[in-house]
Structure formats: structure tokens, C-alpha cells
C-alpha atoms as a PDB file:
ATOM      1  CA  MET A   1      93.437 112.827  97.696  1.00  0.00           C
ATOM      2  CA  THR A   2      94.481 113.994 101.275  1.00  0.00           C
ATOM      3  CA  LEU A   3      97.730 113.271 102.783  1.00  0.00           C
ATOM      4  CA  MET A   4      98.505 113.241 106.092  1.00  0.00           C
ATOM      5  CA  PRO A   5     101.379 114.879 107.471  1.00  0.00           C
ATOM      6  CA  ASP A   6     103.367 112.306 107.034  1.00  0.00           C
ATOM      7  CA  GLY A   7     102.928 111.950 103.190  1.00  0.00           C
ATOM      8  CA  ARG A   8     100.741 108.846 103.541  1.00  0.00           C
ATOM      9  CA  ALA A   9      97.098 109.067 101.349  1.00  0.00           C
ATOM     10  CA  PHE A  10      93.955 109.018 103.428  1.00  0.00           C
ATOM     11  CA  PRO A  11      91.284 106.983 101.776  1.00  0.00           C
ATOM     12  CA  PRO A  12      88.807 108.659 100.102  1.00  0.00           C
ATOM     13  CA  PRO A  13      85.670 109.803 102.192  1.00  0.00           C
ATOM     14  CA  HIS A  14      83.237 109.505  99.811  1.00  0.00           C
ATOM     15  CA  ALA A  15      84.205 106.586  97.452  1.00  0.00           C
ATOM     16  CA  ASP A  16      82.889 103.375  95.624  1.00  0.00           C
ATOM     17  CA  GLU A  17      83.356 100.188  97.487  1.00  0.00           C
ATOM     18  CA  ARG A  18      86.222  99.101  95.445  1.00  0.00           C
ATOM     19  CA  ALA A  19      88.270 102.486  95.927  1.00  0.00           C
ATOM     20  CA  THR A  20      87.301 102.515  99.767  1.00  0.00           C
ATOM     21  CA  LEU A  21      88.556  99.129 100.224  1.00  0.00           C
ATOM     22  CA  GLU A  22      91.869  99.611  97.903  1.00  0.00           C
ATOM     23  CA  GLY A  23      92.341 102.942  99.746  1.00  0.00           C
ATOM     24  CA  TRP A  24      92.127 101.347 103.219  1.00  0.00           C
ATOM     25  CA  LEU A  25      94.234  98.834 101.978  1.00  0.00           C
ATOM     26  CA  GLU A  26      97.399 101.170 100.977  1.00  0.00           C
ATOM     27  CA  PHE A  27      96.815 103.348 103.894  1.00  0.00           C
ATOM     28  CA  GLN A  28      97.460  99.975 105.647  1.00  0.00           C
ATOM     29  CA  ARG A  29     100.255  98.971 103.806  1.00  0.00           C
ATOM     30  CA  ALA A  30     101.861 102.516 103.710  1.00  0.00           C
ATOM     31  CA  THR A  31     101.856 102.615 107.738  1.00  0.00           C
ATOM     32  CA  LEU A  32     103.943  99.402 107.753  1.00  0.00           C
ATOM     33  CA  LEU A  33     106.750 101.184 105.452  1.00  0.00           C
ATOM     34  CA  GLN A  34     106.030 104.305 107.831  1.00  0.00           C
ATOM     35  CA  LYS A  35     106.755 102.011 111.055  1.00  0.00           C
ATOM     36  CA  VAL A  36     109.921 100.321 109.852  1.00  0.00           C
ATOM     37  CA  SER A  37     111.539 103.630 108.001  1.00  0.00           C
ATOM     38  CA  GLY A  38     114.831 104.822 109.575  1.00  0.00           C
ATOM     39  CA  LEU A  39     115.682 101.964 111.393  1.00  0.00           C
ATOM     40  CA  ASP A  40     119.244 100.136 111.383  1.00  0.00           C
ATOM     41  CA  ASP A  41     119.319  96.162 110.993  1.00  0.00           C
ATOM     42  CA  ARG A  42     119.824  95.921 114.712  1.00  0.00           C
ATOM     43  CA  GLN A  43     116.668  97.737 115.474  1.00  0.00           C
ATOM     44  CA  VAL A  44     114.516  95.855 112.905  1.00  0.00           C
ATOM     45  CA  ARG A  45     115.312  92.833 114.632  1.00  0.00           C
ATOM     46  CA  LEU A  46     114.749  93.827 118.362  1.00  0.00           C
ATOM     47  CA  ALA A  47     111.858  92.297 119.913  1.00  0.00           C
ATOM     48  CA  SER A  48     111.066  95.090 122.863  1.00  0.00           C
ATOM     49  CA  VAL A  49     108.046  93.866 124.184  1.00  0.00           C
ATOM     50  CA  PRO A  50     109.141  90.739 126.223  1.00  0.00           C
ATOM     51  CA  PRO A  51     108.563  88.057 126.390  1.00  0.00           C
ATOM     52  CA  SER A  52     107.394  88.174 122.808  1.00  0.00           C
ATOM     53  CA  THR A  53     110.037  86.958 119.863  1.00  0.00           C
ATOM     54  CA  LEU A  54     107.930  89.177 117.519  1.00  0.00           C
ATOM     55  CA  THR A  55     110.159  91.888 115.530  1.00  0.00           C
ATOM     56  CA  LEU A  56     109.656  94.582 112.745  1.00  0.00           C
ATOM     57  CA  LEU A  57     111.732  92.647 110.191  1.00  0.00           C
ATOM     58  CA  GLY A  58     109.641  89.571 111.249  1.00  0.00           C
ATOM     59  CA  LEU A  59     106.280  91.339 110.489  1.00  0.00           C
ATOM     60  CA  VAL A  60     107.609  92.509 107.161  1.00  0.00           C
ATOM     61  CA  GLN A  61     108.634  89.174 105.972  1.00  0.00           C
ATOM     62  CA  HIS A  62     105.152  87.870 107.705  1.00  0.00           C
ATOM     63  CA  LEU A  63     103.085  90.086 105.666  1.00  0.00           C
ATOM     64  CA  THR A  64     104.785  89.591 102.447  1.00  0.00           C
ATOM     65  CA  GLU A  65     103.526  85.958 102.651  1.00  0.00           C
ATOM     66  CA  VAL A  66     100.438  87.202 103.898  1.00  0.00           C
ATOM     67  CA  GLU A  67     100.473  89.114 100.660  1.00  0.00           C
ATOM     68  CA  ARG A  68     101.422  85.791  98.435  1.00  0.00           C
ATOM     69  CA  THR A  69      98.668  83.547 100.255  1.00  0.00           C
ATOM     70  CA  TRP A  70      95.743  85.570  99.600  1.00  0.00           C
ATOM     71  CA  TYR A  71      96.538  86.912  96.505  1.00  0.00           C
ATOM     72  CA  GLN A  72      98.618  84.133  94.691  1.00  0.00           C
ATOM     73  CA  ARG A  73      97.485  81.138  96.481  1.00  0.00           C
ATOM     74  CA  VAL A  74      93.484  82.025  97.157  1.00  0.00           C
ATOM     75  CA  PHE A  75      92.447  84.715  94.603  1.00  0.00           C
ATOM     76  CA  ALA A  76      94.516  83.216  91.899  1.00  0.00           C
ATOM     77  CA  GLY A  77      94.399  79.449  93.107  1.00  0.00           C
ATOM     78  CA  ARG A  78      98.261  79.193  92.043  1.00  0.00           C
ATOM     79  CA  THR A  79     100.551  76.941  93.617  1.00  0.00           C
ATOM     80  CA  VAL A  80     103.489  78.887  94.790  1.00  0.00           C
ATOM     81  CA  PRO A  81     105.808  78.214  97.763  1.00  0.00           C
ATOM     82  CA  PRO A  82     106.868  80.246 100.631  1.00  0.00           C
ATOM     83  CA  VAL A  83     108.517  83.120 100.209  1.00  0.00           C
ATOM     84  CA  TYR A  84     110.852  82.319 102.934  1.00  0.00           C
ATOM     85  CA  GLY A  85     110.933  78.792 102.374  1.00  0.00           C
ATOM     86  CA  PRO A  86     109.278  75.341 104.118  1.00  0.00           C
ATOM     87  CA  GLU A  87     110.924  75.994 107.343  1.00  0.00           C
ATOM     88  CA  ASN A  88     109.608  79.328 107.912  1.00  0.00           C
ATOM     89  CA  PRO A  89     106.095  79.387 106.320  1.00  0.00           C
ATOM     90  CA  ASP A  90     104.990  82.490 108.163  1.00  0.00           C
ATOM     91  CA  GLY A  91     107.586  84.311 107.592  1.00  0.00           C
ATOM     92  CA  TYR A  92     108.277  85.146 111.285  1.00  0.00           C
ATOM     93  CA  GLY A  93     111.698  83.590 111.689  1.00  0.00           C
ATOM     94  CA  LEU A  94     114.705  85.664 111.030  1.00  0.00           C
ATOM     95  CA  ASP A  95     118.116  84.847 108.848  1.00  0.00           C
ATOM     96  CA  GLU A  96     121.189  86.914 109.661  1.00  0.00           C
ATOM     97  CA  ALA A  97     122.037  87.093 106.243  1.00  0.00           C
ATOM     98  CA  ARG A  98     118.544  88.737 105.015  1.00  0.00           C
ATOM     99  CA  GLY A  99     118.043  92.121 106.446  1.00  0.00           C
ATOM    100  CA  MET A 100     115.217  94.873 106.019  1.00  0.00           C
ATOM    101  CA  THR A 101     116.445  95.805 102.178  1.00  0.00           C
ATOM    102  CA  GLU A 102     115.792  92.069 101.161  1.00  0.00           C
ATOM    103  CA  ALA A 103     112.421  91.876 103.163  1.00  0.00           C
ATOM    104  CA  LEU A 104     110.927  95.021 101.415  1.00  0.00           C
ATOM    105  CA  ALA A 105     112.105  93.794  98.038  1.00  0.00           C
ATOM    106  CA  ASN A 106     110.175  90.748  98.456  1.00  0.00           C
ATOM    107  CA  TRP A 107     107.186  92.348 100.336  1.00  0.00           C
ATOM    108  CA  ARG A 108     106.736  94.960  97.622  1.00  0.00           C
ATOM    109  CA  ALA A 109     106.788  92.334  94.730  1.00  0.00           C
ATOM    110  CA  GLU A 110     104.065  90.659  96.466  1.00  0.00           C
ATOM    111  CA  VAL A 111     102.203  93.806  96.567  1.00  0.00           C
ATOM    112  CA  GLU A 112     102.673  94.301  93.146  1.00  0.00           C
ATOM    113  CA  HIS A 113     101.231  90.553  92.009  1.00  0.00           C
ATOM    114  CA  GLY A 114      98.474  91.018  94.483  1.00  0.00           C
ATOM    115  CA  ARG A 115      97.237  94.338  92.419  1.00  0.00           C
ATOM    116  CA  GLU A 116      98.196  92.722  89.199  1.00  0.00           C
ATOM    117  CA  LEU A 117      96.087  89.966  90.122  1.00  0.00           C
ATOM    118  CA  ALA A 118      93.269  91.950  91.509  1.00  0.00           C
ATOM    119  CA  GLY A 119      93.143  94.627  89.464  1.00  0.00           C
ATOM    120  CA  GLY A 120      90.049  94.644  87.265  1.00  0.00           C
ATOM    121  CA  ALA A 121      88.537  91.657  88.452  1.00  0.00           C
ATOM    122  CA  PRO A 122      84.922  91.920  89.889  1.00  0.00           C
ATOM    123  CA  LEU A 123      84.708  91.969  93.556  1.00  0.00           C
ATOM    124  CA  ASP A 124      83.043  88.756  93.981  1.00  0.00           C
ATOM    125  CA  SER A 125      85.066  87.048  92.477  1.00  0.00           C
ATOM    126  CA  PRO A 126      85.691  83.591  93.876  1.00  0.00           C
ATOM    127  CA  GLY A 127      89.261  82.514  95.057  1.00  0.00           C
ATOM    128  CA  PRO A 128      89.772  78.456  96.421  1.00  0.00           C
ATOM    129  CA  LEU A 129      90.441  77.850  99.958  1.00  0.00           C
ATOM    130  CA  ASP A 130      92.252  74.960 101.335  1.00  0.00           C
ATOM    131  CA  ARG A 131      90.988  72.512 103.165  1.00  0.00           C
ATOM    132  CA  ARG A 132      92.093  73.546 106.570  1.00  0.00           C
ATOM    133  CA  ILE A 133      90.926  77.381 106.031  1.00  0.00           C
ATOM    134  CA  ALA A 134      87.668  76.404 104.451  1.00  0.00           C
ATOM    135  CA  GLY A 135      86.638  74.338 107.647  1.00  0.00           C
ATOM    136  CA  ILE A 136      87.432  77.651 109.440  1.00  0.00           C
ATOM    137  CA  VAL A 137      85.638  80.122 106.878  1.00  0.00           C
ATOM    138  CA  GLY A 138      82.775  77.513 106.365  1.00  0.00           C
ATOM    139  CA  SER A 139      83.060  77.519 102.499  1.00  0.00           C
ATOM    140  CA  ASP A 140      85.407  76.616  99.705  1.00  0.00           C
ATOM    141  CA  THR A 141      85.664  79.975  97.990  1.00  0.00           C
ATOM    142  CA  VAL A 142      86.120  83.723  99.433  1.00  0.00           C
ATOM    143  CA  SER A 143      85.195  86.311  97.252  1.00  0.00           C
ATOM    144  CA  LEU A 144      87.775  89.111  96.204  1.00  0.00           C
ATOM    145  CA  ARG A 145      85.634  91.612  98.840  1.00  0.00           C
ATOM    146  CA  TRP A 146      86.392  89.216 101.550  1.00  0.00           C
ATOM    147  CA  VAL A 147      90.447  88.918 100.700  1.00  0.00           C
ATOM    148  CA  LEU A 148      90.399  92.938 100.462  1.00  0.00           C
ATOM    149  CA  VAL A 149      88.663  93.080 103.857  1.00  0.00           C
ATOM    150  CA  HIS A 150      91.124  90.328 105.282  1.00  0.00           C
ATOM    151  CA  LEU A 151      93.812  92.351 104.378  1.00  0.00           C
ATOM    152  CA  ILE A 152      92.485  95.558 105.711  1.00  0.00           C
ATOM    153  CA  GLU A 153      92.381  93.378 108.910  1.00  0.00           C
ATOM    154  CA  GLU A 154      95.622  91.517 109.250  1.00  0.00           C
ATOM    155  CA  TYR A 155      97.555  95.178 108.445  1.00  0.00           C
ATOM    156  CA  ALA A 156      95.574  96.815 111.148  1.00  0.00           C
ATOM    157  CA  ARG A 157      96.040  94.236 113.512  1.00  0.00           C
ATOM    158  CA  HIS A 158      99.942  93.775 112.766  1.00  0.00           C
ATOM    159  CA  ASN A 159     100.517  97.509 112.242  1.00  0.00           C
ATOM    160  CA  GLY A 160      99.329  97.887 116.093  1.00  0.00           C
ATOM    161  CA  HIS A 161     101.797  95.331 116.687  1.00  0.00           C
ATOM    162  CA  ALA A 162     104.562  97.347 114.773  1.00  0.00           C
ATOM    163  CA  ASP A 163     103.422 100.678 116.686  1.00  0.00           C
ATOM    164  CA  LEU A 164     104.512  98.833 119.858  1.00  0.00           C
ATOM    165  CA  LEU A 165     107.648  97.325 118.642  1.00  0.00           C
ATOM    166  CA  ARG A 166     109.027 100.923 117.228  1.00  0.00           C
ATOM    167  CA  GLU A 167     108.039 102.921 120.177  1.00  0.00           C
ATOM    168  CA  GLY A 168     109.986 100.070 122.275  1.00  0.00           C
ATOM    169  CA  ILE A 169     113.234 100.675 120.004  1.00  0.00           C
ATOM    170  CA  ASP A 170     113.140 104.432 119.776  1.00  0.00           C
ATOM    171  CA  GLY A 171     109.710 106.081 121.306  1.00  0.00           C
ATOM    172  CA  VAL A 172     108.198 106.637 117.669  1.00  0.00           C
ATOM    173  CA  THR A 173     104.768 106.692 117.742  1.00  0.00           C
ATOM    174  CA  GLY A 174     102.207 107.708 115.379  1.00  0.00           C
ATOM    175  CA  VAL A 175      99.023 106.983 113.694  1.00  0.00           C
END
């Protein structure tokens, strides 16, 4: 395993499909943690790219909901409520009583649920989609492979947002 200078494990350059997909997902998850590390509560609530209201805290909460949706709701077919309540189903909304410590604990719990649910399942294993998403995707199900690729894409896109937010907060940039 090759480590980046910042300690993140770089995905293996020659591995089977599953190890490659999981390696890139773990890299993206570690990148999110890097983007939010070392900031105080005020900083993680800053929307530093006006007119957007997007914040680092909101991104962590959103990616918690993303993990729950794609592993628990889609892959496992479970009916579970939004982590941050029905009034905040995408997780972006902030609550003065909830800070990054709680948000990261929720995120880590959802990541662990995902690892448990997907661990050992074949990449072709299907998961059911709700009617709205099925209409967009064009199928009633998606494979675990599709879920993993989608999560990599979702994290990569939001890590780009996090990079801009972090740079606006304290000038820190990075891979």
C-alpha cells in the first residue's frame, strides 16, 4: 500500500475490480476527512463561495445521507429515515446544536453500515431503486458495482466543493 504524504492510502495501481473500486472509495472518504480536519465550529459553518450556502459541515451531513441512501435504502432495500430528519433529507441544513463531532460520528456509522452490507456481496448483486430514481436510471435496480462507482463520483464531486470551501476559509488546498 502506498501512502500519500498526508497519510491517505493511495488506491492500488494493479488490483482486481473490487479492490480498485473499494480503494478509490476509501481514498475519497479519506479526502473528505482531510478537508474538514483542524477547523473549528465557526469555520465548518462558513459558506465561503457566495452566493452559495454550502458549508463543510453541510457536506459531511449530506455525504452521511448519501451513504445511508445507497447502501441501506438501495443496496439492502431497507426503509430507514433520513439521519437528519424528514425536514432535512439531503443533510445540507445546519442545526446550531449539532457540530462536526456529531456529524462525523454519524458519517462514520453510515460508512461502517455500508462496509458491512456490501462486504462479501458480489459486485453484480442488485439493489432496488425507488420509482423516482428508477425513472432517471432507466431500471428498477442497480448493481453493487454501480453503487460503488456512483459513490466514488459523488465523493469526488463534493470533495472538489470541499477544496474550494477550505481554501476560502484558511487558504489550505491539496489533492
